[in-house]
């Protein structure tokens, strides 16, 4: 079991396998909001957009953990942190620390 820090996805590696594929799946979930994936509307996580920023962060942390737990096998979320937080624009960007069970 190893610990990794994962940010939202920038690129896709179509040949990813094993740990790299698990990390890519988690990064993809961080980038995907529910109802935006045409063939699987329940894929991703549902952000809280109407609450004050501090409340939204707490709700979003639990929703991210829930989405990863339900949609990715072989990984356990350790924590969710916010690496980018713009209070004027209401933009927050998560970083997830996970434990991935090695094959």
Protein backbone atom coordinates (compact mmCIF):
# COMPACT_ATOMS: atom_id res chain seq x y z
CA UNK A 1 0.00 0.00 0.00
CA UNK A 2 1.40 3.38 -1.01
CA UNK A 3 0.26 6.96 -0.48
CA UNK A 4 -0.30 9.33 -3.42
CA UNK A 5 -1.45 12.92 -3.90
CA UNK A 6 -3.78 13.38 -6.84
CA UNK A 7 -4.91 16.60 -8.53
CA UNK A 8 -7.68 16.98 -11.13
CA UNK A 9 -6.75 15.48 -14.49
CA UNK A 10 -5.00 17.39 -17.27
CA UNK A 11 -4.31 14.63 -19.80
CA UNK A 12 -5.49 11.07 -20.48
CA UNK A 13 -3.17 8.08 -20.84
CA UNK A 14 -5.22 5.47 -22.69
CA UNK A 15 -2.66 2.74 -21.96
CA UNK A 16 -2.61 3.22 -18.17
CA UNK A 17 -2.80 0.06 -16.07
CA UNK A 18 -2.51 -0.86 -12.40
CA UNK A 19 -1.74 1.97 -9.98
CA UNK A 20 -1.44 4.52 -12.77
CA UNK A 21 -4.96 3.64 -13.98
CA UNK A 22 -6.39 3.98 -10.46
CA UNK A 23 -4.73 7.38 -10.04
CA UNK A 24 -6.04 8.49 -13.44
CA UNK A 25 -9.57 7.34 -12.54
CA UNK A 26 -9.49 9.38 -9.33
CA UNK A 27 -8.15 12.45 -11.18
CA UNK A 28 -10.93 12.02 -13.75
CA UNK A 29 -13.56 11.90 -11.00
CA UNK A 30 -12.16 15.15 -9.54
CA UNK A 31 -12.71 16.80 -12.95
CA UNK A 32 -16.18 15.38 -13.59
CA UNK A 33 -19.38 16.75 -12.14
CA UNK A 34 -22.43 14.48 -11.95
CA UNK A 35 -24.85 14.74 -14.89
CA UNK A 36 -22.06 15.79 -17.31
CA UNK A 37 -21.02 12.35 -18.57
CA UNK A 38 -23.48 11.44 -21.40
CA UNK A 39 -23.45 7.63 -21.01
CA UNK A 40 -23.24 7.56 -17.21
CA UNK A 41 -25.03 10.52 -15.60
CA UNK A 42 -24.21 9.29 -12.07
CA UNK A 43 -20.44 9.33 -12.72
CA UNK A 44 -18.39 12.00 -10.94
CA UNK A 45 -19.26 14.05 -7.88
CA UNK A 46 -21.91 16.64 -7.16
CA UNK A 47 -20.44 19.97 -6.03
CA UNK A 48 -22.18 22.20 -3.53
CA UNK A 49 -22.56 25.57 -5.21
CA UNK A 50 -25.07 27.49 -3.09
CA UNK A 51 -23.42 27.48 0.34
CA UNK A 52 -20.81 29.87 1.74
CA UNK A 53 -17.27 28.85 0.78
CA UNK A 54 -16.33 27.28 4.13
CA UNK A 55 -19.51 25.21 4.26
CA UNK A 56 -19.11 24.30 0.60
CA UNK A 57 -15.58 23.01 1.21
CA UNK A 58 -16.76 20.69 4.00
CA UNK A 59 -19.69 19.36 1.96
CA UNK A 60 -17.54 18.92 -1.13
CA UNK A 61 -14.90 16.99 0.82
CA UNK A 62 -17.46 14.42 1.91
CA UNK A 63 -18.96 14.23 -1.60
CA UNK A 64 -15.53 13.66 -3.17
CA UNK A 65 -14.72 10.90 -0.68
CA UNK A 66 -18.10 9.28 -1.35
CA UNK A 67 -17.68 9.44 -5.14
CA UNK A 68 -14.19 7.93 -5.07
CA UNK A 69 -15.23 5.21 -2.61
CA UNK A 70 -18.20 4.22 -4.77
CA UNK A 71 -16.52 4.43 -8.19
CA UNK A 72 -12.89 3.28 -7.70
CA UNK A 73 -11.73 -0.08 -6.37
CA UNK A 74 -8.31 -0.51 -4.79
CA UNK A 75 -7.99 2.96 -3.27
CA UNK A 76 -8.85 4.51 0.06
CA UNK A 77 -9.18 8.29 0.50
CA UNK A 78 -7.05 9.62 3.32
CA UNK A 79 -7.83 13.34 3.02
CA UNK A 80 -9.08 16.08 0.73
CA UNK A 81 -7.30 19.45 0.67
CA UNK A 82 -7.96 22.60 -1.32
CA UNK A 83 -4.94 23.74 -3.33
CA UNK A 84 -6.66 26.60 -5.10
CA UNK A 85 -9.24 28.71 -3.35
CA UNK A 86 -10.45 31.96 -4.87
CA UNK A 87 -13.04 33.44 -2.55
CA UNK A 88 -13.94 36.29 -4.92
CA UNK A 89 -14.81 33.99 -7.81
CA UNK A 90 -15.91 31.05 -5.65
CA UNK A 91 -13.44 28.66 -7.29
CA UNK A 92 -11.95 25.81 -5.28
CA UNK A 93 -9.70 23.02 -6.59
CA UNK A 94 -9.22 19.77 -4.64
CA UNK A 95 -6.14 17.66 -3.99
CA UNK A 96 -6.82 14.15 -2.72
CA UNK A 97 -4.43 12.01 -0.68
CA UNK A 98 -5.16 8.32 -1.22
CA UNK A 99 -3.76 4.96 -0.21
CA UNK A 100 -3.59 2.60 -3.20
CA UNK A 101 -3.28 -1.10 -2.65
CA UNK A 102 -0.37 -2.33 -4.77
CA UNK A 103 -0.81 -5.39 -6.98
